């Protein structure tokens, strides 16, 4: 009997290969090909063009260009306007982000608690993201005009001596632009934070409340560590917006002035390209801005990466 059992063949086992097949399904490649072409054409293409144009002397879109190598970068680093723009960009990022992100997080935490009227509050907070840049600029031009809302309020409370042309003063022009940045970004970012905070298990917060933790400890001692990586993501998104996309607000509110007091790097790229017709210089500043953005995102990512 034993001999008979030994002669019975064991069921065949499947062979395990040392590595999985890396063959790409042609059908999947065909489906993803349009997206790849789109990415190469509209993302990598303009990026490579920026590096190429930065090596040209190009006085206009319809004017002939000539290769000058790194001369544009030498002009950029010797230009005091560029260093003024660098200083203004550092001030803008150094003030807007440390205010916007924590305030938005606290607002998002409050909204995630679903207080009475939280649906209306969500709409109010999200409304600035639905208003066009031109409409925002018109509103804030009327607010900060010499006879606008701010100066009228100061006159009514007996502080008329503090009234000034906020958008036309070298000491306040950049500050008014930062106010617009904060007004535009805090509510939108708070709604994104509230969506992330809503995913935290209710039991975690209830246990902390039973242990005697107040809202402040629950917000920064529990919610923040759980959302730390998302905190960093939103900080990167707002960093990119302030660094690269604030030129529109500056153009419509101050046009970089008075003088160059509100000119930052993103506005300098626009101004050199479309106002002064120095495309090579403009794209040289764009290259510098590109690397500043990469360095900033890497720093933010390392600061806010999850530590668990």
Protein backbone atom coordinates (compact mmCIF):
# COMPACT_ATOMS: atom_id res chain seq x y z
CA UNK A 1 0.00 0.00 0.00
CA UNK A 2 2.82 2.37 0.90
CA UNK A 3 4.63 1.60 -2.31
CA UNK A 4 1.45 2.26 -4.23
CA UNK A 5 1.04 5.67 -2.56
CA UNK A 6 4.62 6.57 -3.28
CA UNK A 7 4.10 5.89 -6.93
CA UNK A 8 1.22 8.34 -7.16
CA UNK A 9 2.38 11.52 -8.79
CA UNK A 10 2.01 14.66 -6.71
CA UNK A 11 -0.02 17.44 -8.31
CA UNK A 12 2.05 19.67 -10.49
CA UNK A 13 3.05 22.97 -8.89
CA UNK A 14 3.17 26.15 -10.88
CA UNK A 15 6.64 27.43 -11.55
CA UNK A 16 7.51 30.71 -9.89
CA UNK A 17 9.64 32.90 -12.05
CA UNK A 18 12.33 35.01 -10.43
CA UNK A 19 10.89 38.25 -11.82
CA UNK A 20 7.59 39.24 -13.30
CA UNK A 21 7.30 39.83 -16.97
CA UNK A 22 7.98 43.44 -17.88
CA UNK A 23 6.33 43.30 -21.25
CA UNK A 24 4.04 46.26 -21.98
CA UNK A 25 0.61 45.48 -23.30
CA UNK A 26 0.45 47.12 -26.77
CA UNK A 27 -3.23 47.92 -26.29
CA UNK A 28 -2.54 49.82 -23.04
CA UNK A 29 0.37 51.62 -24.70
CA UNK A 30 -1.90 52.66 -27.53
CA UNK A 31 -4.49 54.03 -25.12
CA UNK A 32 -1.89 56.03 -23.16
CA UNK A 33 -0.07 57.32 -26.24
CA UNK A 34 -2.28 60.43 -26.72
CA UNK A 35 -1.69 61.47 -23.11
CA UNK A 36 2.07 60.93 -23.52
CA UNK A 37 2.13 63.02 -26.69
CA UNK A 38 0.09 65.74 -25.00
CA UNK A 39 2.44 65.79 -22.01
CA UNK A 40 5.56 65.97 -24.18
CA UNK A 41 4.11 68.62 -26.46
CA UNK A 42 2.57 70.95 -23.90
CA UNK A 43 4.76 70.40 -20.81
CA UNK A 44 8.24 69.32 -21.79
CA UNK A 45 8.10 71.27 -25.05
CA UNK A 46 7.59 74.72 -23.50
CA UNK A 47 10.07 73.89 -20.74
CA UNK A 48 12.80 73.06 -23.26
CA UNK A 49 11.84 76.12 -25.32
CA UNK A 50 12.30 78.32 -22.25
CA UNK A 51 15.87 77.08 -21.80
CA UNK A 52 16.60 77.59 -25.50
CA UNK A 53 15.10 81.09 -25.72
CA UNK A 54 17.10 82.14 -22.65
CA UNK A 55 20.24 81.80 -24.80
CA UNK A 56 18.92 84.12 -27.52
CA UNK A 57 18.85 87.85 -28.10
CA UNK A 58 15.28 88.18 -29.30
CA UNK A 59 13.78 91.68 -29.37
CA UNK A 60 10.27 90.55 -30.32
CA UNK A 61 8.13 87.68 -31.56
CA UNK A 62 8.37 88.76 -35.21
CA UNK A 63 11.96 90.04 -34.96
CA UNK A 64 14.98 87.92 -35.89
CA UNK A 65 16.91 86.32 -33.03
CA UNK A 66 20.58 85.60 -32.49
CA UNK A 67 22.40 83.20 -30.20
CA UNK A 68 24.21 84.93 -27.29
CA UNK A 69 24.86 81.99 -24.96
CA UNK A 70 24.88 82.93 -21.29
CA UNK A 71 24.90 86.70 -21.85
CA UNK A 72 21.27 87.01 -20.77
CA UNK A 73 22.08 85.38 -17.43
CA UNK A 74 24.99 87.79 -16.92
CA UNK A 75 22.63 90.70 -17.58
CA UNK A 76 20.05 89.26 -15.21
CA UNK A 77 22.44 88.83 -12.28
CA UNK A 78 23.89 92.33 -12.86
CA UNK A 79 20.47 93.99 -13.00
CA UNK A 80 19.34 95.70 -9.76
CA UNK A 81 15.70 95.31 -10.85
CA UNK A 82 16.15 91.53 -10.78
CA UNK A 83 17.45 91.62 -7.23
CA UNK A 84 14.56 93.88 -6.22
CA UNK A 85 12.20 91.28 -7.70
CA UNK A 86 14.01 88.51 -5.78
CA UNK A 87 13.65 90.46 -2.54
CA UNK A 88 9.97 91.11 -3.16
CA UNK A 89 9.33 87.44 -3.98
CA UNK A 90 11.06 86.35 -0.77
CA UNK A 91 9.02 88.86 1.26
CA UNK A 92 5.81 87.78 -0.44
CA UNK A 93 6.38 84.07 0.16
CA UNK A 94 7.80 84.61 3.64
CA UNK A 95 4.69 86.50 4.77
CA UNK A 96 1.84 84.98 2.77
CA UNK A 97 2.57 81.28 3.34
CA UNK A 98 3.19 81.39 7.13
CA UNK A 99 -0.11 83.26 7.52
CA UNK A 100 -2.24 81.51 4.92
CA UNK A 101 -1.52 77.84 5.66
CA UNK A 102 -1.99 77.83 9.48
CA UNK A 103 -5.07 80.09 9.30
CA UNK A 104 -6.57 77.95 6.54
CA UNK A 105 -5.86 74.81 8.58
CA UNK A 106 -7.64 76.24 11.63
CA UNK A 107 -10.60 77.33 9.51
CA UNK A 108 -10.69 73.91 7.88
CA UNK A 109 -10.67 72.25 11.31
CA UNK A 110 -13.59 74.43 12.41
CA UNK A 111 -15.56 73.61 9.26
CA UNK A 112 -14.83 69.89 9.70
CA UNK A 113 -16.63 70.05 13.08
CA UNK A 114 -19.82 70.86 11.14
CA UNK A 115 -21.05 73.75 13.26
CA UNK A 116 -24.43 75.33 12.64
CA UNK A 117 -24.47 76.88 9.18
CA UNK A 118 -21.35 75.02 8.05
CA UNK A 119 -22.75 74.54 4.54
CA UNK A 120 -23.19 78.28 4.09
CA UNK A 121 -19.74 78.83 5.57
CA UNK A 122 -18.24 76.46 3.01
CA UNK A 123 -19.83 78.44 0.18
CA UNK A 124 -18.56 81.73 1.62
CA UNK A 125 -15.02 80.40 2.02
CA UNK A 126 -14.96 78.97 -1.48
CA UNK A 127 -16.44 82.06 -3.17
CA UNK A 128 -13.09 83.89 -3.78
CA UNK A 129 -11.95 80.95 -5.91
CA UNK A 130 -14.99 81.46 -8.16
CA UNK A 131 -14.35 85.17 -8.81
CA UNK A 132 -12.24 86.09 -11.83
CA UNK A 133 -8.92 87.84 -11.32
CA UNK A 134 -10.18 90.96 -13.11
CA UNK A 135 -13.23 91.18 -10.84
CA UNK A 136 -11.07 90.74 -7.72
CA UNK A 137 -8.75 93.50 -8.91
CA UNK A 138 -11.63 95.91 -9.52
CA UNK A 139 -12.97 95.23 -6.01
CA UNK A 140 -9.61 95.81 -4.32
CA UNK A 141 -8.85 98.86 -6.47
CA UNK A 142 -12.00 100.43 -5.05
CA UNK A 143 -11.11 99.31 -1.53
CA UNK A 144 -7.56 100.70 -1.56
CA UNK A 145 -8.19 103.78 -3.71
CA UNK A 146 -7.36 107.20 -2.13
CA UNK A 147 -11.09 107.79 -1.62
CA UNK A 148 -11.87 104.09 -1.17
CA UNK A 149 -13.25 101.96 1.61
CA UNK A 150 -10.10 101.70 3.76
CA UNK A 151 -9.36 105.43 3.84
CA UNK A 152 -13.05 106.22 4.36
CA UNK A 153 -13.15 103.86 7.34
CA UNK A 154 -10.03 105.47 8.83
CA UNK A 155 -11.58 108.92 8.47
CA UNK A 156 -14.79 107.81 10.15
CA UNK A 157 -13.01 106.47 13.24
CA UNK A 158 -10.79 109.54 13.59
CA UNK A 159 -7.62 108.03 12.12
CA UNK A 160 -7.59 110.01 8.90
CA UNK A 161 -3.90 110.74 9.38
CA UNK A 162 -3.17 107.10 8.57
CA UNK A 163 -4.94 107.31 5.20
CA UNK A 164 -2.66 106.99 2.19
CA UNK A 165 -2.73 105.89 -1.45
CA UNK A 166 -2.15 102.23 -0.60
CA UNK A 167 -1.54 101.03 -4.16
CA UNK A 168 0.57 104.04 -5.13
CA UNK A 169 2.94 104.09 -2.15
CA UNK A 170 6.27 102.30 -2.25
CA UNK A 171 5.84 101.24 1.38
CA UNK A 172 2.40 99.63 0.99
CA UNK A 173 1.98 98.53 -2.66
CA UNK A 174 3.45 95.06 -2.15
CA UNK A 175 1.54 94.66 1.11
CA UNK A 176 -1.79 95.30 -0.62
CA UNK A 177 -0.97 92.63 -3.19
CA UNK A 178 -0.26 90.20 -0.35
CA UNK A 179 -3.64 91.06 1.21
CA UNK A 180 -5.29 90.06 -2.07
CA UNK A 181 -3.27 86.83 -2.12
CA UNK A 182 -4.39 85.99 1.41
CA UNK A 183 -8.04 86.82 0.72
CA UNK A 184 -8.00 84.68 -2.42
CA UNK A 185 -6.20 81.66 -0.97
CA UNK A 186 -7.23 81.19 2.66
CA UNK A 187 -10.84 80.14 2.06
CA UNK A 188 -10.05 77.79 -0.82
CA UNK A 189 -7.25 76.13 1.14
CA UNK A 190 -9.49 75.85 4.22
CA UNK A 191 -12.08 73.88 2.22
CA UNK A 192 -9.36 71.48 1.05
CA UNK A 193 -8.17 71.05 4.63
CA UNK A 194 -11.71 70.38 5.83
CA UNK A 195 -12.10 67.62 3.25
CA UNK A 196 -8.93 65.93 4.54
CA UNK A 197 -9.84 66.40 8.19
CA UNK A 198 -13.24 64.83 7.62
CA UNK A 199 -11.43 61.56 6.85
CA UNK A 200 -10.01 61.32 10.39
CA UNK A 201 -11.93 58.63 12.32
CA UNK A 202 -14.44 60.14 14.74
CA UNK A 203 -13.31 57.69 17.41
CA UNK A 204 -9.86 59.28 17.52
CA UNK A 205 -11.23 62.72 18.33
CA UNK A 206 -13.78 61.33 20.79
CA UNK A 207 -11.05 59.47 22.67
CA UNK A 208 -8.94 62.65 22.87
CA UNK A 209 -11.96 64.59 24.12
CA UNK A 210 -12.58 61.99 26.84
CA UNK A 211 -8.94 62.37 27.89
CA UNK A 212 -9.57 66.07 28.44
CA UNK A 213 -7.99 67.46 25.27
CA UNK A 214 -9.49 70.76 24.16
CA UNK A 215 -9.97 71.90 20.58
CA UNK A 216 -6.49 73.45 20.42
CA UNK A 217 -4.76 70.21 21.49
CA UNK A 218 -6.95 68.11 19.22
CA UNK A 219 -6.25 70.39 16.29
CA UNK A 220 -2.46 70.66 16.62
CA UNK A 221 -1.72 67.53 18.66
CA UNK A 222 -3.86 65.02 16.74
CA UNK A 223 -5.26 66.45 13.50
CA UNK A 224 -2.04 68.13 12.40
CA UNK A 225 0.26 65.06 12.78
CA UNK A 226 -2.27 62.93 10.90
CA UNK A 227 -2.55 65.53 8.09
CA UNK A 228 1.11 66.55 8.09
CA UNK A 229 1.81 65.24 4.60
CA UNK A 230 -1.34 66.93 3.23
CA UNK A 231 -0.28 70.11 5.04
CA UNK A 232 2.90 69.97 2.99
CA UNK A 233 1.02 69.35 -0.27
CA UNK A 234 -1.15 72.43 0.18
CA UNK A 235 1.87 74.47 1.26
CA UNK A 236 3.58 73.46 -2.00
CA UNK A 237 0.51 74.34 -4.07
CA UNK A 238 0.23 77.80 -2.52
CA UNK A 239 3.99 78.29 -2.81
CA UNK A 240 3.76 77.57 -6.53
CA UNK A 241 0.78 79.89 -6.93
CA UNK A 242 2.40 82.81 -5.10
CA UNK A 243 5.74 82.35 -6.84
CA UNK A 244 4.52 81.76 -10.39
CA UNK A 245 0.97 83.11 -10.71
CA UNK A 246 0.81 86.34 -8.74
CA UNK A 247 1.90 88.37 -11.77
CA UNK A 248 -1.73 88.84 -12.77
CA UNK A 249 -2.67 90.53 -9.50
CA UNK A 250 0.39 92.77 -9.65
CA UNK A 251 -0.30 93.70 -13.27
CA UNK A 252 -3.90 94.73 -12.57
CA UNK A 253 -3.33 96.37 -9.19
CA UNK A 254 0.07 98.11 -9.31
CA UNK A 255 1.72 97.24 -12.64
CA UNK A 256 4.87 96.51 -10.67
CA UNK A 257 5.08 100.01 -9.23
CA UNK A 258 5.42 102.54 -7.98
CA UNK A 259 8.91 102.24 -9.35
CA UNK A 260 9.68 98.56 -8.90
CA UNK A 261 8.44 98.33 -5.32
CA UNK A 262 5.90 95.57 -6.10
CA UNK A 263 7.74 93.83 -8.93
CA UNK A 264 8.40 90.16 -8.18
CA UNK A 265 10.00 87.46 -10.31
CA UNK A 266 6.83 86.27 -12.04
CA UNK A 267 5.85 89.83 -12.98
CA UNK A 268 9.39 90.53 -14.18
CA UNK A 269 9.11 87.60 -16.60
CA UNK A 270 5.88 89.05 -18.02
CA UNK A 271 7.13 92.65 -18.08
CA UNK A 272 10.36 91.87 -19.91
CA UNK A 273 8.62 89.65 -22.47
CA UNK A 274 5.46 91.61 -23.31
CA UNK A 275 6.21 95.21 -22.31
CA UNK A 276 9.91 95.63 -22.98
CA UNK A 277 10.16 92.97 -25.75
CA UNK A 278 13.25 91.30 -24.29
CA UNK A 279 12.27 87.67 -24.72
CA UNK A 280 15.72 86.23 -24.06
CA UNK A 281 16.11 88.18 -20.82
CA UNK A 282 12.58 87.22 -19.81
CA UNK A 283 13.20 83.52 -20.25
CA UNK A 284 16.53 83.76 -18.43
CA UNK A 285 14.56 85.06 -15.43
CA UNK A 286 12.09 82.22 -16.08
CA UNK A 287 14.90 79.66 -15.81
CA UNK A 288 15.99 81.15 -12.49
CA UNK A 289 12.37 81.11 -11.33
CA UNK A 290 12.05 77.47 -12.38
CA UNK A 291 14.99 76.36 -10.25
CA UNK A 292 13.84 78.50 -7.31
CA UNK A 293 10.48 76.73 -7.52
CA UNK A 294 12.08 73.29 -7.53
CA UNK A 295 14.31 74.12 -4.55
CA UNK A 296 11.36 75.57 -2.63
CA UNK A 297 9.18 72.51 -3.26
CA UNK A 298 11.95 70.16 -2.16
CA UNK A 299 12.42 72.13 1.07
CA UNK A 300 8.68 72.18 1.82
CA UNK A 301 8.42 68.48 1.07
CA UNK A 302 11.24 67.65 3.47
CA UNK A 303 9.87 69.89 6.22
CA UNK A 304 6.34 68.47 6.10
CA UNK A 305 7.00 64.84 5.20
CA UNK A 306 5.35 62.27 7.39
CA UNK A 307 7.53 61.02 10.28
CA UNK A 308 5.92 57.68 10.99
